[in-house]
Amino acid sequence: MRVVSVNSGEKRTLVFNNRSVETGIFKTRVDGPIYLGSEHVKGDTIVDRKHHGGIDQAVYGYSKKHYLFWQKKYDFVGLNYGLFGENITFDDLDETKIHVGSIFRCEDVLIEATSPRFPCFKLGIVFKTQNIVKEFWEITKSGVYFKVLSSGEVRAGSEFVKVEEALKQPTISQVYEQCRPSKLK
């Protein structure tokens, strides 16, 4: 998996449904490297620590191929990497082929796939429609959360190579489908 873009964001305060909401979902491309730490990407804002960040969700990855899919529905998507709140945009991140517990290496950095990302209303804020949340749930293009086993810098152009595949564990897409709200199944 080659890194297409590394992304980071600052805290923003917005009004949603007549209430003030803080978020770190708005990420933009960073020139140069980002540092993957054990609980987050250094310099990136995580507001909702209950659902994001921490050891098992230190880094969020999304696929460039998914951008191409979403661009057909939402023309503003383009190649605005970071739009889905990801820290790393990979050229080809396939949730149907990545098992929970699989480990990837990029030089000295080691990351382990832990879970899919589940959408919330903040993705709807980014897209200016809450319809995206339901649409996101209906497909398996969830992206992948990673645990950082060995910290270090990553930049656009870096390549992650699978060093251990956890074939006895479910794939990220299988976990995602099992957690899909029953009204969407």
C-alpha atoms as a PDB file:
ATOM      1  CA  MET A   1       0.000   0.000   0.000  1.00  0.00           C
ATOM      2  CA  ARG A   2       1.555   3.252  -1.104  1.00  0.00           C
ATOM      3  CA  VAL A   3       0.829   6.471   0.789  1.00  0.00           C
ATOM      4  CA  VAL A   4      -0.752   9.040  -1.525  1.00  0.00           C
ATOM      5  CA  SER A   5      -1.262  11.748   1.087  1.00  0.00           C
ATOM      6  CA  VAL A   6      -0.699  12.404   4.773  1.00  0.00           C
ATOM      7  CA  ASN A   7      -3.311  14.589   6.444  1.00  0.00           C
ATOM      8  CA  SER A   8      -3.837  16.482   9.664  1.00  0.00           C
ATOM      9  CA  GLY A   9      -6.471  18.787  11.111  1.00  0.00           C
ATOM     10  CA  GLU A  10      -7.111  21.431  13.716  1.00  0.00           C
ATOM     11  CA  LYS A  11     -10.072  21.737  16.039  1.00  0.00           C
ATOM     12  CA  ARG A  12     -13.076  23.532  14.587  1.00  0.00           C
ATOM     13  CA  THR A  13     -16.208  24.675  16.339  1.00  0.00           C
ATOM     14  CA  LEU A  14     -19.374  24.610  14.234  1.00  0.00           C
ATOM     15  CA  VAL A  15     -23.094  24.987  14.760  1.00  0.00           C
ATOM     16  CA  PHE A  16     -25.131  21.848  14.035  1.00  0.00           C
ATOM     17  CA  ASN A  17     -28.843  21.552  14.874  1.00  0.00           C
ATOM     18  CA  ASN A  18     -28.627  24.796  16.859  1.00  0.00           C
ATOM     19  CA  ARG A  19     -25.822  23.575  19.098  1.00  0.00           C
ATOM     20  CA  SER A  20     -22.096  24.126  19.157  1.00  0.00           C
ATOM     21  CA  VAL A  21     -20.044  21.114  18.034  1.00  0.00           C
ATOM     22  CA  GLU A  22     -16.273  20.714  18.211  1.00  0.00           C
ATOM     23  CA  THR A  23     -14.575  18.427  15.699  1.00  0.00           C
ATOM     24  CA  GLY A  24     -11.230  17.437  14.279  1.00  0.00           C
ATOM     25  CA  ILE A  25     -12.675  15.681  11.202  1.00  0.00           C
ATOM     26  CA  PHE A  26     -11.576  18.410   8.785  1.00  0.00           C
ATOM     27  CA  LYS A  27      -8.164  17.208   7.648  1.00  0.00           C
ATOM     28  CA  THR A  28      -5.999  18.612   4.883  1.00  0.00           C
ATOM     29  CA  ARG A  29      -2.901  17.411   3.098  1.00  0.00           C
ATOM     30  CA  VAL A  30       0.386  18.031   4.887  1.00  0.00           C
ATOM     31  CA  ASP A  31       3.626  18.784   3.070  1.00  0.00           C
ATOM     32  CA  GLY A  32       6.339  16.655   4.579  1.00  0.00           C
ATOM     33  CA  PRO A  33       5.958  13.804   7.041  1.00  0.00           C
ATOM     34  CA  ILE A  34       3.532  13.116   9.857  1.00  0.00           C
ATOM     35  CA  TYR A  35       4.602  11.335  13.022  1.00  0.00           C
ATOM     36  CA  LEU A  36       2.570   8.283  14.006  1.00  0.00           C
ATOM     37  CA  GLY A  37       2.554   8.070  17.792  1.00  0.00           C
ATOM     38  CA  SER A  38       1.164   5.327  20.001  1.00  0.00           C
ATOM     39  CA  GLU A  39      -2.196   7.078  20.562  1.00  0.00           C
ATOM     40  CA  HIS A  40      -2.502   9.618  17.745  1.00  0.00           C
ATOM     41  CA  VAL A  41      -0.815  11.425  14.888  1.00  0.00           C
ATOM     42  CA  LYS A  42       1.368  14.165  16.322  1.00  0.00           C
ATOM     43  CA  GLY A  43      -0.109  17.593  15.590  1.00  0.00           C
ATOM     44  CA  ASP A  44      -3.507  16.213  14.584  1.00  0.00           C
ATOM     45  CA  THR A  45      -6.584  17.165  16.594  1.00  0.00           C
ATOM     46  CA  ILE A  46      -8.844  14.523  18.089  1.00  0.00           C
ATOM     47  CA  VAL A  47     -11.799  16.042  19.896  1.00  0.00           C
ATOM     48  CA  ASP A  48     -13.954  12.973  20.558  1.00  0.00           C
ATOM     49  CA  ARG A  49     -11.572  10.675  22.450  1.00  0.00           C
ATOM     50  CA  LYS A  50     -14.398   8.235  23.181  1.00  0.00           C
ATOM     51  CA  HIS A  51     -14.716   7.262  19.503  1.00  0.00           C
ATOM     52  CA  HIS A  52     -11.361   8.276  17.969  1.00  0.00           C
ATOM     53  CA  GLY A  53      -7.718   8.113  18.852  1.00  0.00           C
ATOM     54  CA  GLY A  54      -6.214   6.054  21.603  1.00  0.00           C
ATOM     55  CA  ILE A  55      -4.115   2.947  21.259  1.00  0.00           C
ATOM     56  CA  ASP A  56      -6.472   0.999  18.974  1.00  0.00           C
ATOM     57  CA  GLN A  57      -7.417   3.979  16.794  1.00  0.00           C
ATOM     58  CA  ALA A  58      -4.197   5.953  16.630  1.00  0.00           C
ATOM     59  CA  VAL A  59      -4.255   6.306  12.832  1.00  0.00           C
ATOM     60  CA  TYR A  60      -7.130   6.297  10.350  1.00  0.00           C
ATOM     61  CA  GLY A  61      -6.477   5.220   6.759  1.00  0.00           C
ATOM     62  CA  TYR A  62      -8.710   5.589   3.706  1.00  0.00           C
ATOM     63  CA  SER A  63      -8.315   4.596   0.063  1.00  0.00           C
ATOM     64  CA  LYS A  64      -7.835   6.785  -3.002  1.00  0.00           C
ATOM     65  CA  LYS A  65      -9.999   4.238  -4.840  1.00  0.00           C
ATOM     66  CA  HIS A  66     -12.848   5.094  -2.472  1.00  0.00           C
ATOM     67  CA  TYR A  67     -12.480   8.768  -3.409  1.00  0.00           C
ATOM     68  CA  LEU A  68     -13.043   7.797  -7.031  1.00  0.00           C
ATOM     69  CA  PHE A  69     -16.233   5.968  -5.986  1.00  0.00           C
ATOM     70  CA  TRP A  70     -17.591   8.888  -3.932  1.00  0.00           C
ATOM     71  CA  GLN A  71     -16.688  11.440  -6.606  1.00  0.00           C
ATOM     72  CA  LYS A  72     -19.404   9.893  -8.812  1.00  0.00           C
ATOM     73  CA  LYS A  73     -22.010  10.794  -6.157  1.00  0.00           C
ATOM     74  CA  TYR A  74     -20.484  14.016  -4.829  1.00  0.00           C
ATOM     75  CA  ASP A  75     -18.552  16.001  -7.428  1.00  0.00           C
ATOM     76  CA  PHE A  76     -16.735  18.138  -4.824  1.00  0.00           C
ATOM     77  CA  VAL A  77     -14.953  15.056  -3.455  1.00  0.00           C
ATOM     78  CA  GLY A  78     -12.350  15.028  -6.223  1.00  0.00           C
ATOM     79  CA  LEU A  79      -8.975  14.221  -4.787  1.00  0.00           C
ATOM     80  CA  ASN A  80      -9.403  16.368  -1.676  1.00  0.00           C
ATOM     81  CA  TYR A  81      -7.528  13.919   0.521  1.00  0.00           C
ATOM     82  CA  GLY A  82      -8.383  14.119   4.204  1.00  0.00           C
ATOM     83  CA  LEU A  83     -12.051  14.799   3.398  1.00  0.00           C
ATOM     84  CA  PHE A  84     -13.122  11.606   5.190  1.00  0.00           C
ATOM     85  CA  GLY A  85     -11.068  12.516   8.251  1.00  0.00           C
ATOM     86  CA  GLU A  86      -8.223  10.131   7.443  1.00  0.00           C
ATOM     87  CA  ASN A  87      -4.636  10.683   8.504  1.00  0.00           C
ATOM     88  CA  ILE A  88      -3.279   8.599   5.637  1.00  0.00           C
ATOM     89  CA  THR A  89      -4.742   8.250   2.173  1.00  0.00           C
ATOM     90  CA  PHE A  90      -3.480   5.010   0.626  1.00  0.00           C
ATOM     91  CA  ASP A  91      -3.526   4.200  -3.081  1.00  0.00           C
ATOM     92  CA  ASP A  92      -5.354   0.914  -2.487  1.00  0.00           C
ATOM     93  CA  LEU A  93      -6.722   0.108   0.953  1.00  0.00           C
ATOM     94  CA  ASP A  94      -9.125  -2.812   0.554  1.00  0.00           C
ATOM     95  CA  GLU A  95     -11.180  -3.582   3.662  1.00  0.00           C
ATOM     96  CA  THR A  96     -12.289  -6.911   2.175  1.00  0.00           C
ATOM     97  CA  LYS A  97      -8.665  -8.116   2.141  1.00  0.00           C
ATOM     98  CA  ILE A  98      -7.316  -6.690   5.394  1.00  0.00           C
ATOM     99  CA  HIS A  99      -7.835  -8.813   8.495  1.00  0.00           C
ATOM    100  CA  VAL A 100      -8.048  -7.440  12.008  1.00  0.00           C
ATOM    101  CA  GLY A 101      -4.580  -7.972  13.465  1.00  0.00           C
ATOM    102  CA  SER A 102      -2.682  -7.811  10.155  1.00  0.00           C
ATOM    103  CA  ILE A 103       0.558  -5.878  10.488  1.00  0.00           C
ATOM    104  CA  PHE A 104       2.182  -3.518   7.978  1.00  0.00           C
ATOM    105  CA  ARG A 105       5.692  -2.024   7.920  1.00  0.00           C
ATOM    106  CA  CYS A 106       7.041   1.195   6.466  1.00  0.00           C
ATOM    107  CA  GLU A 107      10.744   1.452   7.277  1.00  0.00           C
ATOM    108  CA  ASP A 108      10.786   1.532  11.117  1.00  0.00           C
ATOM    109  CA  VAL A 109       7.034   2.137  11.485  1.00  0.00           C
ATOM    110  CA  LEU A 110       4.767  -0.821  12.274  1.00  0.00           C
ATOM    111  CA  ILE A 111       0.967  -0.531  12.259  1.00  0.00           C
ATOM    112  CA  GLU A 112      -1.697  -3.132  13.001  1.00  0.00           C
ATOM    113  CA  ALA A 113      -5.231  -3.095  11.543  1.00  0.00           C
ATOM    114  CA  THR A 114      -7.727  -2.961  14.418  1.00  0.00           C
ATOM    115  CA  SER A 115     -11.188  -1.948  13.189  1.00  0.00           C
ATOM    116  CA  PRO A 116     -13.319  -0.175  10.622  1.00  0.00           C
ATOM    117  CA  ARG A 117     -14.422   3.404  11.074  1.00  0.00           C
ATOM    118  CA  PHE A 118     -18.109   3.846  11.845  1.00  0.00           C
ATOM    119  CA  PRO A 119     -19.661   7.029  10.436  1.00  0.00           C
ATOM    120  CA  CYS A 120     -21.310   9.686  12.554  1.00  0.00           C
ATOM    121  CA  PHE A 121     -23.092  12.971  11.989  1.00  0.00           C
ATOM    122  CA  LYS A 122     -19.780  14.830  11.697  1.00  0.00           C
ATOM    123  CA  LEU A 123     -19.173  13.176   8.321  1.00  0.00           C
ATOM    124  CA  GLY A 124     -22.551  14.653   7.346  1.00  0.00           C
ATOM    125  CA  ILE A 125     -21.311  18.079   8.409  1.00  0.00           C
ATOM    126  CA  VAL A 126     -18.335  17.727   6.060  1.00  0.00           C
ATOM    127  CA  PHE A 127     -20.582  16.645   3.180  1.00  0.00           C
ATOM    128  CA  LYS A 128     -23.311  19.180   4.068  1.00  0.00           C
ATOM    129  CA  THR A 129     -25.881  16.360   4.105  1.00  0.00           C
ATOM    130  CA  GLN A 130     -26.596  13.672   6.673  1.00  0.00           C
ATOM    131  CA  ASN A 131     -27.495  11.323   3.788  1.00  0.00           C
ATOM    132  CA  ILE A 132     -23.799  10.465   3.512  1.00  0.00           C
ATOM    133  CA  VAL A 133     -23.914   8.702   6.895  1.00  0.00           C
ATOM    134  CA  LYS A 134     -26.503   6.180   5.663  1.00  0.00           C
ATOM    135  CA  GLU A 135     -24.735   5.829   2.304  1.00  0.00           C
ATOM    136  CA  PHE A 136     -21.426   5.222   4.099  1.00  0.00           C
ATOM    137  CA  TRP A 137     -23.019   2.482   6.230  1.00  0.00           C
ATOM    138  CA  GLU A 138     -24.481   0.783   3.144  1.00  0.00           C
ATOM    139  CA  ILE A 139     -21.090  -0.042   1.609  1.00  0.00           C
ATOM    140  CA  THR A 140     -17.888  -1.529   3.012  1.00  0.00           C
ATOM    141  CA  LYS A 141     -15.631   1.413   2.133  1.00  0.00           C
ATOM    142  CA  SER A 142     -15.198   2.233   5.812  1.00  0.00           C
ATOM    143  CA  GLY A 143     -11.483   2.798   5.972  1.00  0.00           C
ATOM    144  CA  VAL A 144      -9.275   1.192   8.601  1.00  0.00           C
ATOM    145  CA  TYR A 145      -8.129   2.200  12.056  1.00  0.00           C
ATOM    146  CA  PHE A 146      -4.601   1.163  12.958  1.00  0.00           C
ATOM    147  CA  LYS A 147      -2.707   0.643  16.195  1.00  0.00           C
ATOM    148  CA  VAL A 148       0.874   1.940  16.064  1.00  0.00           C
ATOM    149  CA  LEU A 149       3.265  -0.783  17.215  1.00  0.00           C
ATOM    150  CA  SER A 150       6.428   1.138  16.357  1.00  0.00           C
ATOM    151  CA  SER A 151       6.265   4.937  16.062  1.00  0.00           C
ATOM    152  CA  GLY A 152       7.853   7.050  13.379  1.00  0.00           C
ATOM    153  CA  GLU A 153       7.430   9.328  10.403  1.00  0.00           C
ATOM    154  CA  VAL A 154       5.435   8.606   7.260  1.00  0.00           C
ATOM    155  CA  ARG A 155       5.148  10.779   4.167  1.00  0.00           C
ATOM    156  CA  ALA A 156       3.464  10.747   0.775  1.00  0.00           C
ATOM    157  CA  GLY A 157       5.245   8.178  -1.376  1.00  0.00           C
ATOM    158  CA  SER A 158       6.010   5.863   1.550  1.00  0.00           C
ATOM    159  CA  GLU A 159       5.056   2.243   1.084  1.00  0.00           C
ATOM    160  CA  PHE A 160       3.527  -0.060   3.682  1.00  0.00           C
ATOM    161  CA  VAL A 161       4.189  -3.752   3.165  1.00  0.00           C
ATOM    162  CA  LYS A 162       2.184  -6.478   4.880  1.00  0.00           C
ATOM    163  CA  VAL A 163       4.514  -8.381   7.205  1.00  0.00           C
ATOM    164  CA  GLU A 164       1.949 -10.456   9.069  1.00  0.00           C
ATOM    165  CA  GLU A 165      -1.517 -11.514   7.987  1.00  0.00           C
ATOM    166  CA  ALA A 166      -4.037 -12.515  10.639  1.00  0.00           C
ATOM    167  CA  LEU A 167      -6.048 -14.898   8.464  1.00  0.00           C
ATOM    168  CA  LYS A 168      -7.893 -16.429  11.422  1.00  0.00           C
ATOM    169  CA  GLN A 169      -9.427 -13.040  12.237  1.00  0.00           C
ATOM    170  CA  PRO A 170     -12.340 -11.437  10.342  1.00  0.00           C
ATOM    171  CA  THR A 171     -11.669  -8.869   7.665  1.00  0.00           C
ATOM    172  CA  ILE A 172     -12.320  -5.205   8.361  1.00  0.00           C
ATOM    173  CA  SER A 173     -15.355  -5.336   6.038  1.00  0.00           C
ATOM    174  CA  GLN A 174     -16.775  -8.367   7.888  1.00  0.00           C
ATOM    175  CA  VAL A 175     -16.547  -6.507  11.198  1.00  0.00           C
ATOM    176  CA  TYR A 176     -18.141  -3.466   9.582  1.00  0.00           C
ATOM    177  CA  GLU A 177     -21.042  -5.484   8.184  1.00  0.00           C
ATOM    178  CA  GLN A 178     -21.643  -7.159  11.573  1.00  0.00           C
ATOM    179  CA  CYS A 179     -21.864  -3.739  13.231  1.00  0.00           C
ATOM    180  CA  ARG A 180     -24.123  -2.181  10.580  1.00  0.00           C
ATOM    181  CA  PRO A 181     -27.323  -0.872  12.197  1.00  0.00           C
ATOM    182  CA  SER A 182     -30.095  -3.450  11.862  1.00  0.00           C
ATOM    183  CA  LYS A 183     -32.363  -1.045   9.991  1.00  0.00           C
ATOM    184  CA  LEU A 184     -29.776  -1.005   7.184  1.00  0.00           C
ATOM    185  CA  LYS A 185     -29.132  -4.773   7.015  1.00  0.00           C
END
